[in-house]
Amino acid sequence: MDTARILDGLSDIGCGAAEARIIQSLCEEEDRDGLVRLLRKRRNCLMEELRSSQKKVDRMDFLIREIRKEQKTQGGK
């Protein structure tokens, strides 16, 4: 994959300017191992954000179910 395509996709994955400069430097140095390592690190951060958000959604779903159950036992208020 060429450097331009890699750099074009960085904003889509949430990379900031500093991280983009590091990635550009790795591309220019043709350090594919370093590039993959950095992208995997970024991916791990995104996965952690995803898991955190999923926990929040799960908690919200629980609260909604509990409120609905309570409504049913109180006659549908």
C-alpha atoms as a PDB file:
ATOM      1  CA  MET A   1       0.000   0.000   0.000  1.00  0.00           C
ATOM      2  CA  ASP A   2       1.395   3.372  -0.894  1.00  0.00           C
ATOM      3  CA  THR A   3       2.054   6.141   1.613  1.00  0.00           C
ATOM      4  CA  ALA A   4      -0.639   8.442   0.225  1.00  0.00           C
ATOM      5  CA  ARG A   5      -3.373   5.835   0.747  1.00  0.00           C
ATOM      6  CA  ILE A   6      -2.172   5.143   4.279  1.00  0.00           C
ATOM      7  CA  LEU A   7      -2.073   8.825   5.176  1.00  0.00           C
ATOM      8  CA  ASP A   8      -5.495   9.462   3.613  1.00  0.00           C
ATOM      9  CA  GLY A   9      -7.061   6.903   5.922  1.00  0.00           C
ATOM     10  CA  LEU A  10      -5.598   8.240   9.157  1.00  0.00           C
ATOM     11  CA  SER A  11      -8.304  10.765   9.947  1.00  0.00           C
ATOM     12  CA  ASP A  12     -10.905   8.044   9.421  1.00  0.00           C
ATOM     13  CA  ILE A  13      -9.345   6.020  12.222  1.00  0.00           C
ATOM     14  CA  GLY A  14      -9.016   8.972  14.574  1.00  0.00           C
ATOM     15  CA  CYS A  15      -5.292   9.663  14.314  1.00  0.00           C
ATOM     16  CA  GLY A  16      -4.168  13.075  15.427  1.00  0.00           C
ATOM     17  CA  ALA A  17      -1.512  15.212  13.759  1.00  0.00           C
ATOM     18  CA  ALA A  18       1.346  13.943  15.927  1.00  0.00           C
ATOM     19  CA  GLU A  19       0.467  10.320  15.295  1.00  0.00           C
ATOM     20  CA  ALA A  20       0.088  11.037  11.570  1.00  0.00           C
ATOM     21  CA  ARG A  21       3.608  12.517  11.472  1.00  0.00           C
ATOM     22  CA  ILE A  22       5.017   9.384  13.104  1.00  0.00           C
ATOM     23  CA  ILE A  23       3.173   7.181  10.630  1.00  0.00           C
ATOM     24  CA  GLN A  24       4.372   9.304   7.714  1.00  0.00           C
ATOM     25  CA  SER A  25       7.927   8.983   8.979  1.00  0.00           C
ATOM     26  CA  LEU A  26       7.581   5.206   9.258  1.00  0.00           C
ATOM     27  CA  CYS A  27       6.238   5.084   5.708  1.00  0.00           C
ATOM     28  CA  GLU A  28       9.100   7.196   4.390  1.00  0.00           C
ATOM     29  CA  GLU A  29      11.596   4.946   6.183  1.00  0.00           C
ATOM     30  CA  GLU A  30       9.750   1.921   4.771  1.00  0.00           C
ATOM     31  CA  ASP A  31       9.526   0.549   8.315  1.00  0.00           C
ATOM     32  CA  ARG A  32       6.545  -1.719   7.714  1.00  0.00           C
ATOM     33  CA  ASP A  33       7.048  -3.570  11.013  1.00  0.00           C
ATOM     34  CA  GLY A  34       6.990  -0.297  12.944  1.00  0.00           C
ATOM     35  CA  LEU A  35       3.981   0.866  10.971  1.00  0.00           C
ATOM     36  CA  VAL A  36       2.027  -2.322  11.655  1.00  0.00           C
ATOM     37  CA  ARG A  37       3.018  -2.174  15.334  1.00  0.00           C
ATOM     38  CA  LEU A  38       1.755   1.412  15.639  1.00  0.00           C
ATOM     39  CA  LEU A  39      -1.474   0.680  13.762  1.00  0.00           C
ATOM     40  CA  ARG A  40      -2.127  -2.360  15.961  1.00  0.00           C
ATOM     41  CA  LYS A  41      -1.559  -0.224  19.040  1.00  0.00           C
ATOM     42  CA  ARG A  42      -4.103   2.293  17.711  1.00  0.00           C
ATOM     43  CA  ARG A  43      -6.491  -0.569  16.937  1.00  0.00           C
ATOM     44  CA  ASN A  44      -6.187  -1.841  20.500  1.00  0.00           C
ATOM     45  CA  CYS A  45      -7.069   1.621  21.809  1.00  0.00           C
ATOM     46  CA  LEU A  46     -10.121   1.733  19.548  1.00  0.00           C
ATOM     47  CA  MET A  47     -11.185  -1.729  20.714  1.00  0.00           C
ATOM     48  CA  GLU A  48     -10.916  -0.614  24.331  1.00  0.00           C
ATOM     49  CA  GLU A  49     -13.094   2.421  23.558  1.00  0.00           C
ATOM     50  CA  LEU A  50     -15.570   0.094  21.872  1.00  0.00           C
ATOM     51  CA  ARG A  51     -15.694  -2.223  24.889  1.00  0.00           C
ATOM     52  CA  SER A  52     -16.144   0.732  27.208  1.00  0.00           C
ATOM     53  CA  SER A  53     -18.996   2.086  25.094  1.00  0.00           C
ATOM     54  CA  GLN A  54     -20.580  -1.365  24.936  1.00  0.00           C
ATOM     55  CA  LYS A  55     -20.565  -1.552  28.741  1.00  0.00           C
ATOM     56  CA  LYS A  56     -22.365   1.790  28.880  1.00  0.00           C
ATOM     57  CA  VAL A  57     -24.966   0.619  26.361  1.00  0.00           C
ATOM     58  CA  ASP A  58     -25.439  -2.624  28.292  1.00  0.00           C
ATOM     59  CA  ARG A  59     -25.985  -0.676  31.507  1.00  0.00           C
ATOM     60  CA  MET A  60     -28.476   1.616  29.779  1.00  0.00           C
ATOM     61  CA  ASP A  61     -30.352  -1.412  28.393  1.00  0.00           C
ATOM     62  CA  PHE A  62     -30.480  -2.884  31.892  1.00  0.00           C
ATOM     63  CA  LEU A  63     -31.931   0.325  33.318  1.00  0.00           C
ATOM     64  CA  ILE A  64     -34.544   0.486  30.558  1.00  0.00           C
ATOM     65  CA  ARG A  65     -35.578  -3.144  31.184  1.00  0.00           C
ATOM     66  CA  GLU A  66     -35.848  -2.528  34.917  1.00  0.00           C
ATOM     67  CA  ILE A  67     -37.999   0.578  34.396  1.00  0.00           C
ATOM     68  CA  ARG A  68     -40.254  -1.341  31.980  1.00  0.00           C
ATOM     69  CA  LYS A  69     -40.603  -4.221  34.462  1.00  0.00           C
ATOM     70  CA  GLU A  70     -41.491  -1.787  37.196  1.00  0.00           C
ATOM     71  CA  GLN A  71     -44.114  -0.169  34.954  1.00  0.00           C
ATOM     72  CA  LYS A  72     -45.737  -3.524  34.236  1.00  0.00           C
ATOM     73  CA  THR A  73     -45.942  -4.465  37.917  1.00  0.00           C
ATOM     74  CA  GLN A  74     -47.500  -1.077  38.721  1.00  0.00           C
ATOM     75  CA  GLY A  75     -50.179  -1.357  36.096  1.00  0.00           C
ATOM     76  CA  GLY A  76     -48.515   0.295  33.110  1.00  0.00           C
ATOM     77  CA  LYS A  77     -48.014   3.859  34.357  1.00  0.00           C
END
